[in-house]
Amino acid sequence: RQLQQSDCQNTLMKKVFDTHMLFLQINQSAAALKHVFAALRLFVAKFPSAFFQGQADLCGSLCYEILKCCNHRSHSTQTEASALLYFFMRKNFEFNKQKSIVRSHLQLIKAVSQLIADAGIGGSRFQHSLAIINNFANGDKQMKNVNFPAEVKDLTKRIRTVLMATAQMKEHEKDPEMLVDLQYSLANSYASTPELRRTWLESMAKIHARNGDLSEAAMCYIHIAALIAEYLKRKGLFSMGWPAFLSITPNIK
């Protein structure tokens, strides 16, 4: 009952969730991970509103950790992680009264974008996990007459697009200008999704900072700040929007 207070948006829920996440953040045996995935399935089934309502923090953290396991060396862990991810998306679809998986879609793309920078995912192991998820979608008889399988396929296709763009980046990693150019075009392709645009701008800032290009890194952060300011203005929470940053750089337009 305490966990369900305020639609599962409470400090106790955060503590219990963080404890579950610790099991994925610290190296475990494949046998232990099997039990962790079972516990997480139960947790998501029991408290769906913690993930699919209110703040997206828990949803984002879970997507990040499960995707990391989709790139695991152990074949059984890969399969278990893919099954948990499919279950998670399906729960999102059911929670939204079979309309969409918009939240898990957004958080998964965001997590992929972060993992590329943090852990270098995208090889054959990860591609194999995406194939497993697609197979689950194709073979799910209960979901045959709704648009859920199509949504899952669209998501995996978008993840592959991000991975392909990243593979190009890998080719140009010794050419910082070309690398950042590719990142910039990827950030622009998410102009309609501020959260993902912000993720790629942060990734660009990291590369600039690594190369010692501090003014370029600062420019990325100003763009992130302007993006948030514009969002807050549209929500009626801030009066100025992006023009607040014009005094720093005209480039903000």
Protein backbone atom coordinates (compact mmCIF):
# COMPACT_ATOMS: atom_id res chain seq x y z
CA ARG A 1 0.00 0.00 0.00
CA GLN A 2 2.87 2.38 0.80
CA LEU A 3 4.45 1.69 -2.59
CA GLN A 4 1.17 2.49 -4.36
CA GLN A 5 0.78 5.92 -2.74
CA SER A 6 0.66 8.92 -5.15
CA ASP A 7 0.34 6.57 -8.16
CA CYS A 8 3.61 4.85 -7.18
CA GLN A 9 5.50 8.19 -7.35
CA ASN A 10 7.05 8.18 -3.86
CA THR A 11 10.43 7.89 -2.15
CA LEU A 12 9.90 4.32 -0.91
CA MET A 13 9.17 3.19 -4.48
CA LYS A 14 12.41 4.85 -5.62
CA LYS A 15 14.37 3.01 -2.89
CA VAL A 16 12.86 -0.39 -3.74
CA PHE A 17 13.42 0.23 -7.47
CA ASP A 18 17.05 1.32 -6.92
CA THR A 19 17.66 -1.90 -4.95
CA HIS A 20 16.38 -3.93 -7.92
CA MET A 21 18.63 -1.90 -10.26
CA LEU A 22 21.71 -2.56 -8.11
CA PHE A 23 21.48 -6.24 -9.07
CA LEU A 24 21.88 -5.24 -12.73
CA GLN A 25 24.56 -2.60 -12.10
CA ILE A 26 26.88 -4.97 -10.21
CA ASN A 27 28.15 -8.03 -12.11
CA GLN A 28 26.10 -11.15 -11.39
CA SER A 29 26.22 -14.75 -12.54
CA ALA A 30 23.80 -15.80 -15.31
CA ALA A 31 21.93 -17.93 -12.72
CA ALA A 32 21.46 -14.93 -10.39
CA LEU A 33 20.36 -12.69 -13.30
CA LYS A 34 17.62 -15.17 -14.18
CA HIS A 35 16.06 -14.54 -10.76
CA VAL A 36 16.59 -10.77 -11.06
CA PHE A 37 14.67 -10.74 -14.36
CA ALA A 38 11.85 -12.80 -12.80
CA ALA A 39 11.67 -10.34 -9.86
CA LEU A 40 11.57 -7.38 -12.28
CA ARG A 41 8.76 -8.97 -14.32
CA LEU A 42 6.75 -9.32 -11.11
CA PHE A 43 7.63 -5.76 -10.07
CA VAL A 44 6.51 -4.23 -13.41
CA ALA A 45 3.32 -6.33 -13.45
CA LYS A 46 2.43 -5.26 -9.90
CA PHE A 47 3.31 -1.54 -10.18
CA PRO A 48 2.88 -0.48 -13.84
CA SER A 49 1.97 3.12 -12.96
CA ALA A 50 5.46 3.60 -11.43
CA PHE A 51 6.85 3.25 -14.98
CA PHE A 52 4.10 4.44 -17.31
CA GLN A 53 2.65 7.42 -15.42
CA GLY A 54 4.06 10.64 -13.95
CA GLN A 55 7.85 11.09 -14.12
CA ALA A 56 9.75 8.94 -16.64
CA ASP A 57 12.88 8.46 -14.46
CA LEU A 58 12.19 4.86 -13.38
CA CYS A 59 11.15 3.85 -16.90
CA GLY A 60 14.34 5.37 -18.36
CA SER A 61 16.64 3.72 -15.78
CA LEU A 62 15.05 0.29 -16.30
CA CYS A 63 15.28 0.57 -20.12
CA TYR A 64 18.97 1.52 -19.83
CA GLU A 65 19.87 -1.44 -17.60
CA ILE A 66 17.86 -4.02 -19.58
CA LEU A 67 19.37 -2.86 -22.88
CA LYS A 68 22.83 -3.23 -21.33
CA CYS A 69 21.93 -6.87 -20.56
CA CYS A 70 20.76 -7.33 -24.20
CA ASN A 71 24.46 -6.90 -25.07
CA HIS A 72 25.58 -9.48 -22.47
CA ARG A 73 28.15 -12.18 -23.28
CA SER A 74 25.86 -14.94 -21.95
CA HIS A 75 23.34 -16.13 -24.56
CA SER A 76 20.77 -17.06 -21.88
CA THR A 77 21.05 -13.59 -20.27
CA GLN A 78 20.55 -11.96 -23.67
CA THR A 79 17.39 -14.00 -24.25
CA GLU A 80 16.06 -13.30 -20.74
CA ALA A 81 16.74 -9.56 -21.11
CA SER A 82 15.01 -9.48 -24.53
CA ALA A 83 11.99 -11.31 -23.06
CA LEU A 84 11.81 -8.83 -20.15
CA LEU A 85 12.03 -5.90 -22.57
CA TYR A 86 9.23 -7.32 -24.71
CA PHE A 87 7.12 -7.90 -21.57
CA PHE A 88 7.82 -4.31 -20.47
CA MET A 89 6.66 -2.87 -23.82
CA ARG A 90 3.58 -5.04 -23.77
CA LYS A 91 2.69 -3.84 -20.27
CA ASN A 92 3.10 -0.24 -21.51
CA PHE A 93 0.70 -0.99 -24.38
CA GLU A 94 -1.87 -2.54 -22.03
CA PHE A 95 -1.49 0.33 -19.54
CA ASN A 96 -2.25 2.81 -22.36
CA LYS A 97 -5.49 0.95 -23.13
CA GLN A 98 -3.90 -0.63 -26.23
CA LYS A 99 -3.19 2.72 -27.89
CA SER A 100 0.60 3.04 -28.00
CA ILE A 101 3.97 2.37 -26.36
CA VAL A 102 5.07 5.99 -26.67
CA ARG A 103 6.83 6.18 -23.29
CA SER A 104 8.86 2.97 -23.56
CA HIS A 105 9.63 3.83 -27.22
CA LEU A 106 11.06 7.23 -26.26
CA GLN A 107 12.99 5.95 -23.22
CA LEU A 108 14.48 3.00 -25.15
CA ILE A 109 15.75 5.21 -28.00
CA LYS A 110 17.15 7.59 -25.39
CA ALA A 111 18.83 4.69 -23.54
CA VAL A 112 20.33 3.35 -26.80
CA SER A 113 21.73 6.81 -27.54
CA GLN A 114 23.30 6.98 -24.06
CA LEU A 115 24.65 3.41 -24.18
CA ILE A 116 26.40 4.06 -27.48
CA ALA A 117 28.42 6.78 -25.75
CA ASP A 118 28.85 4.84 -22.46
CA ALA A 119 29.24 1.17 -23.37
CA GLY A 120 29.69 0.95 -27.15
CA ILE A 121 26.71 -1.35 -27.84
CA GLY A 122 25.58 -2.29 -31.34
CA GLY A 123 27.48 -5.46 -32.32
CA SER A 124 26.08 -8.84 -33.34
CA ARG A 125 25.00 -9.69 -29.78
CA PHE A 126 22.78 -6.63 -29.57
CA GLN A 127 21.39 -7.20 -33.10
CA HIS A 128 20.54 -10.76 -32.04
CA SER A 129 18.55 -9.40 -29.06
CA LEU A 130 16.58 -7.07 -31.38
CA ALA A 131 15.77 -10.08 -33.58
CA ILE A 132 14.51 -12.02 -30.51
CA ILE A 133 12.19 -9.09 -29.59
CA ASN A 134 10.82 -9.00 -33.15
CA ASN A 135 10.21 -12.77 -33.03
CA PHE A 136 8.23 -12.34 -29.79
CA ALA A 137 6.10 -9.67 -31.49
CA ASN A 138 5.46 -11.89 -34.53
CA GLY A 139 4.55 -14.94 -32.45
CA ASP A 140 2.30 -13.24 -29.86
CA LYS A 141 -1.15 -14.62 -30.76
CA GLN A 142 -2.99 -12.39 -28.25
CA MET A 143 -1.62 -9.27 -29.95
CA LYS A 144 -2.36 -10.33 -33.54
CA ASN A 145 -5.33 -8.00 -34.09
CA VAL A 146 -3.87 -4.81 -32.55
CA ASN A 147 -1.08 -2.51 -33.73
CA PHE A 148 1.36 -3.57 -30.98
CA PRO A 149 3.57 -5.84 -33.20
CA ALA A 150 3.87 -2.99 -35.75
CA GLU A 151 4.93 -0.59 -32.97
CA VAL A 152 7.58 -3.04 -31.74
CA LYS A 153 8.92 -3.44 -35.31
CA ASP A 154 9.00 0.33 -35.78
CA LEU A 155 10.96 0.71 -32.53
CA THR A 156 13.55 -1.95 -33.42
CA LYS A 157 13.90 -0.36 -36.89
CA ARG A 158 14.57 3.06 -35.32
CA ILE A 159 17.12 1.54 -32.94
CA ARG A 160 18.92 -0.01 -35.95
CA THR A 161 18.94 3.40 -37.69
CA VAL A 162 20.63 4.95 -34.65
CA LEU A 163 23.13 2.06 -34.57
CA MET A 164 23.91 2.49 -38.30
CA ALA A 165 24.54 6.21 -37.80
CA THR A 166 26.80 5.29 -34.90
CA ALA A 167 28.72 2.77 -37.02
CA GLN A 168 29.46 5.65 -39.43
CA MET A 169 30.65 7.68 -36.45
CA LYS A 170 32.98 4.83 -35.46
CA GLU A 171 34.60 5.00 -38.92
CA HIS A 172 35.30 8.70 -38.40
CA GLU A 173 36.29 8.60 -34.72
CA LYS A 174 39.80 9.85 -35.59
CA ASP A 175 38.25 12.78 -37.50
CA PRO A 176 36.58 14.88 -34.75
CA GLU A 177 34.96 17.37 -37.18
CA MET A 178 33.32 14.63 -39.26
CA LEU A 179 32.28 12.74 -36.11
CA VAL A 180 30.57 15.78 -34.60
CA ASP A 181 28.96 16.57 -37.98
CA LEU A 182 27.32 13.11 -37.96
CA GLN A 183 26.20 13.63 -34.35
CA TYR A 184 24.77 17.01 -35.27
CA SER A 185 22.69 15.58 -38.13
CA LEU A 186 21.45 12.84 -35.78
CA ALA A 187 20.49 15.48 -33.18
CA ASN A 188 18.64 17.43 -35.90
CA SER A 189 16.74 14.31 -36.99
CA TYR A 190 15.17 14.35 -33.50
CA ALA A 191 14.07 17.99 -33.69
CA SER A 192 10.48 16.89 -32.97
CA THR A 193 11.56 14.91 -29.88
CA PRO A 194 13.32 17.36 -27.51
CA GLU A 195 14.36 14.67 -25.03
CA LEU A 196 16.29 12.71 -27.68
CA ARG A 197 17.70 15.87 -29.25
CA ARG A 198 19.03 16.78 -25.80
CA THR A 199 20.60 13.30 -25.42
CA TRP A 200 22.54 13.68 -28.69
CA LEU A 201 23.59 17.25 -27.89
CA GLU A 202 24.97 15.98 -24.55
CA SER A 203 26.82 13.24 -26.43
CA MET A 204 28.29 15.89 -28.80
CA ALA A 205 29.35 18.01 -25.80
CA LYS A 206 31.24 15.00 -24.35
CA ILE A 207 33.18 14.53 -27.62
CA HIS A 208 34.03 18.24 -27.83
CA ALA A 209 35.19 18.29 -24.19
CA ARG A 210 37.31 15.16 -24.80
CA ASN A 211 38.99 16.89 -27.74
CA GLY A 212 39.58 20.04 -25.70
CA ASP A 213 37.10 22.07 -27.81
CA LEU A 214 35.53 23.73 -24.80
CA SER A 215 33.73 26.61 -26.54
CA GLU A 216 32.01 24.08 -28.86
CA ALA A 217 31.03 21.96 -25.84
CA ALA A 218 29.64 25.10 -24.19
CA MET A 219 27.61 25.82 -27.35
CA CYS A 220 26.02 22.35 -27.08
CA TYR A 221 25.05 23.02 -23.46
CA ILE A 222 23.58 26.43 -24.37
CA HIS A 223 21.45 24.73 -27.02
CA ILE A 224 20.28 22.18 -24.43
CA ALA A 225 19.39 25.01 -22.03
CA ALA A 226 17.52 26.88 -24.80
CA LEU A 227 15.64 23.71 -25.72
CA ILE A 228 14.50 23.30 -22.10
CA ALA A 229 13.65 27.03 -21.85
CA GLU A 230 11.48 26.78 -24.98
CA TYR A 231 9.73 23.70 -23.57
CA LEU A 232 9.05 25.50 -20.26
CA LYS A 233 7.73 28.54 -22.14
CA ARG A 234 5.22 26.37 -24.02
CA LYS A 235 4.18 24.85 -20.71
CA GLY A 236 3.63 28.39 -19.34
CA LEU A 237 6.36 27.98 -16.69
CA PHE A 238 8.96 30.42 -18.11
CA SER A 239 8.31 33.67 -19.97
CA MET A 240 11.29 34.01 -22.32
CA GLY A 241 12.03 30.70 -24.08
CA TRP A 242 15.13 30.47 -26.30
CA PRO A 243 15.60 34.28 -26.73
CA ALA A 244 16.85 34.29 -23.10
CA PHE A 245 20.18 33.03 -24.53
CA LEU A 246 20.54 35.53 -27.41
CA SER A 247 22.86 37.70 -25.35
CA ILE A 248 25.31 34.76 -25.17
CA THR A 249 25.17 33.73 -28.84
CA PRO A 250 23.08 34.66 -31.92
CA ASN A 251 23.63 31.01 -32.97
CA ILE A 252 20.80 30.04 -30.60
CA LYS A 253 18.19 30.96 -33.24
